[in-house]
Amino acid sequence: MSLSCKSCKKEVNELDLEQANIMQGHDGVWCVDLVLKCPHCGQLYNTFVPTGDLEALE
């Protein structure tokens, strides 16, 4: 499965990790502030993932 970058329109199978910081939001929920980057053009994408949604890998 692949997706297209919203900026350069090229297909990407993986995004590069730019930042992954753990922080507490205004609502008191701990989240991962995740910033990913298109490997072709460098467009940055940001999301906040609640730590409660994370699953341990074995």
N, C-alpha and C. Protein backbone atom coordinates (compact mmCIF):
# COMPACT_ATOMS: atom_id res chain seq x y z
N MET A 1 0.84 -1.17 0.00
CA MET A 1 0.00 0.00 0.00
C MET A 1 0.88 1.24 0.00
N SER A 2 0.52 2.22 -0.76
CA SER A 2 1.26 3.48 -0.77
C SER A 2 0.28 4.64 -0.75
N LEU A 3 0.80 5.80 -0.48
CA LEU A 3 -0.01 7.01 -0.51
C LEU A 3 0.75 8.06 -1.29
N SER A 4 0.09 9.12 -1.64
CA SER A 4 0.72 10.20 -2.38
C SER A 4 0.93 11.40 -1.47
N CYS A 5 2.09 12.00 -1.60
CA CYS A 5 2.40 13.23 -0.86
C CYS A 5 1.45 14.33 -1.33
N LYS A 6 0.91 15.08 -0.41
CA LYS A 6 -0.01 16.16 -0.76
C LYS A 6 0.71 17.31 -1.47
N SER A 7 2.02 17.40 -1.29
CA SER A 7 2.77 18.50 -1.88
C SER A 7 3.32 18.16 -3.27
N CYS A 8 4.14 17.09 -3.35
CA CYS A 8 4.78 16.76 -4.63
C CYS A 8 4.02 15.72 -5.44
N LYS A 9 3.00 15.10 -4.85
CA LYS A 9 2.13 14.12 -5.51
C LYS A 9 2.83 12.79 -5.82
N LYS A 10 4.07 12.60 -5.41
CA LYS A 10 4.76 11.34 -5.65
C LYS A 10 4.27 10.30 -4.65
N GLU A 11 4.26 9.03 -5.09
CA GLU A 11 3.85 7.95 -4.21
C GLU A 11 4.96 7.66 -3.20
N VAL A 12 4.55 7.43 -1.96
CA VAL A 12 5.50 7.07 -0.91
C VAL A 12 4.98 5.85 -0.16
N ASN A 13 5.89 4.94 0.16
CA ASN A 13 5.57 3.77 0.96
C ASN A 13 5.93 3.99 2.42
N GLU A 14 6.87 4.89 2.66
CA GLU A 14 7.32 5.22 4.01
C GLU A 14 7.59 6.71 4.09
N LEU A 15 7.37 7.27 5.26
CA LEU A 15 7.74 8.65 5.54
C LEU A 15 8.93 8.64 6.49
N ASP A 16 9.80 9.63 6.38
CA ASP A 16 10.97 9.72 7.25
C ASP A 16 10.58 10.34 8.59
N LEU A 17 11.18 9.83 9.65
CA LEU A 17 10.93 10.38 10.98
C LEU A 17 11.70 11.69 11.14
N GLU A 18 11.00 12.73 11.51
CA GLU A 18 11.61 14.03 11.78
C GLU A 18 11.65 14.28 13.29
N GLN A 19 10.57 13.91 13.99
CA GLN A 19 10.48 14.18 15.44
C GLN A 19 9.44 13.26 16.07
N ALA A 20 9.71 12.82 17.28
CA ALA A 20 8.74 12.06 18.07
C ALA A 20 8.96 12.41 19.54
N ASN A 21 8.22 13.38 20.02
CA ASN A 21 8.34 13.85 21.41
C ASN A 21 7.08 13.47 22.18
N ILE A 22 7.26 13.12 23.45
CA ILE A 22 6.12 12.84 24.31
C ILE A 22 5.80 14.12 25.08
N MET A 23 4.53 14.51 25.08
CA MET A 23 4.13 15.73 25.77
C MET A 23 2.72 15.58 26.32
N GLN A 24 2.42 16.40 27.30
CA GLN A 24 1.09 16.40 27.89
C GLN A 24 0.27 17.52 27.26
N GLY A 25 -0.88 17.15 26.74
CA GLY A 25 -1.75 18.14 26.09
C GLY A 25 -2.49 19.00 27.08
N HIS A 26 -3.19 20.00 26.57
CA HIS A 26 -3.96 20.93 27.41
C HIS A 26 -5.05 20.21 28.19
N ASP A 27 -5.51 19.08 27.65
CA ASP A 27 -6.57 18.31 28.32
C ASP A 27 -6.01 17.29 29.31
N GLY A 28 -4.68 17.31 29.50
CA GLY A 28 -4.04 16.41 30.46
C GLY A 28 -3.66 15.06 29.88
N VAL A 29 -4.01 14.79 28.63
CA VAL A 29 -3.70 13.50 27.99
C VAL A 29 -2.27 13.53 27.45
N TRP A 30 -1.52 12.49 27.75
CA TRP A 30 -0.16 12.37 27.23
C TRP A 30 -0.21 11.88 25.79
N CYS A 31 0.56 12.53 24.92
CA CYS A 31 0.56 12.23 23.49
C CYS A 31 1.98 12.18 22.94
N VAL A 32 2.12 11.52 21.79
CA VAL A 32 3.35 11.60 21.02
C VAL A 32 3.13 12.66 19.95
N ASP A 33 3.94 13.71 19.99
CA ASP A 33 3.92 14.75 18.96
C ASP A 33 4.80 14.22 17.84
N LEU A 34 4.17 13.71 16.79
CA LEU A 34 4.87 13.01 15.72
C LEU A 34 4.94 13.88 14.47
N VAL A 35 6.16 14.08 13.96
CA VAL A 35 6.37 14.82 12.73
C VAL A 35 7.08 13.89 11.75
N LEU A 36 6.46 13.68 10.59
CA LEU A 36 7.01 12.82 9.55
C LEU A 36 7.27 13.66 8.30
N LYS A 37 8.21 13.18 7.45
CA LYS A 37 8.64 13.98 6.30
C LYS A 37 8.62 13.14 5.03
N CYS A 38 8.14 13.73 3.94
CA CYS A 38 8.17 13.09 2.63
C CYS A 38 9.63 12.91 2.21
N PRO A 39 10.04 11.70 1.80
CA PRO A 39 11.42 11.49 1.39
C PRO A 39 11.77 12.14 0.05
N HIS A 40 10.77 12.56 -0.71
CA HIS A 40 11.02 13.17 -2.02
C HIS A 40 11.18 14.68 -1.94
N CYS A 41 10.25 15.35 -1.26
CA CYS A 41 10.26 16.82 -1.28
C CYS A 41 10.48 17.45 0.10
N GLY A 42 10.42 16.65 1.16
CA GLY A 42 10.65 17.18 2.50
C GLY A 42 9.42 17.78 3.16
N GLN A 43 8.24 17.65 2.53
CA GLN A 43 7.01 18.17 3.14
C GLN A 43 6.81 17.51 4.51
N LEU A 44 6.52 18.31 5.53
CA LEU A 44 6.32 17.80 6.87
C LEU A 44 4.84 17.54 7.15
N TYR A 45 4.59 16.48 7.90
CA TYR A 45 3.24 16.12 8.34
C TYR A 45 3.28 15.93 9.84
N ASN A 46 2.27 16.43 10.55
CA ASN A 46 2.23 16.40 12.01
C ASN A 46 0.95 15.75 12.50
N THR A 47 1.06 14.99 13.58
CA THR A 47 -0.10 14.44 14.25
C THR A 47 0.23 14.25 15.72
N PHE A 48 -0.79 14.17 16.55
CA PHE A 48 -0.64 13.89 17.97
C PHE A 48 -1.34 12.56 18.24
N VAL A 49 -0.57 11.59 18.71
CA VAL A 49 -1.09 10.24 18.97
C VAL A 49 -1.16 10.05 20.48
N PRO A 50 -2.34 9.85 21.05
CA PRO A 50 -2.45 9.60 22.49
C PRO A 50 -1.63 8.35 22.85
N THR A 51 -0.87 8.43 23.94
CA THR A 51 -0.03 7.30 24.32
C THR A 51 -0.88 6.07 24.65
N GLY A 52 -2.13 6.25 25.03
CA GLY A 52 -3.04 5.14 25.28
C GLY A 52 -3.36 4.34 24.03
N ASP A 53 -3.13 4.94 22.84
CA ASP A 53 -3.37 4.25 21.58
C ASP A 53 -2.17 3.44 21.11
N LEU A 54 -1.03 3.59 21.78
CA LEU A 54 0.18 2.86 21.37
C LEU A 54 0.08 1.41 21.79
N GLU A 55 0.64 0.53 20.97
CA GLU A 55 0.66 -0.90 21.27
C GLU A 55 2.10 -1.37 21.34
N ALA A 56 2.41 -2.18 22.32
CA ALA A 56 3.76 -2.72 22.46
C ALA A 56 4.04 -3.74 21.36
N LEU A 57 5.25 -3.69 20.80
CA LEU A 57 5.67 -4.67 19.81
C LEU A 57 6.46 -5.75 20.53
N GLU A 58 6.26 -6.97 20.10
CA GLU A 58 6.96 -8.08 20.74
C GLU A 58 8.18 -8.46 19.96
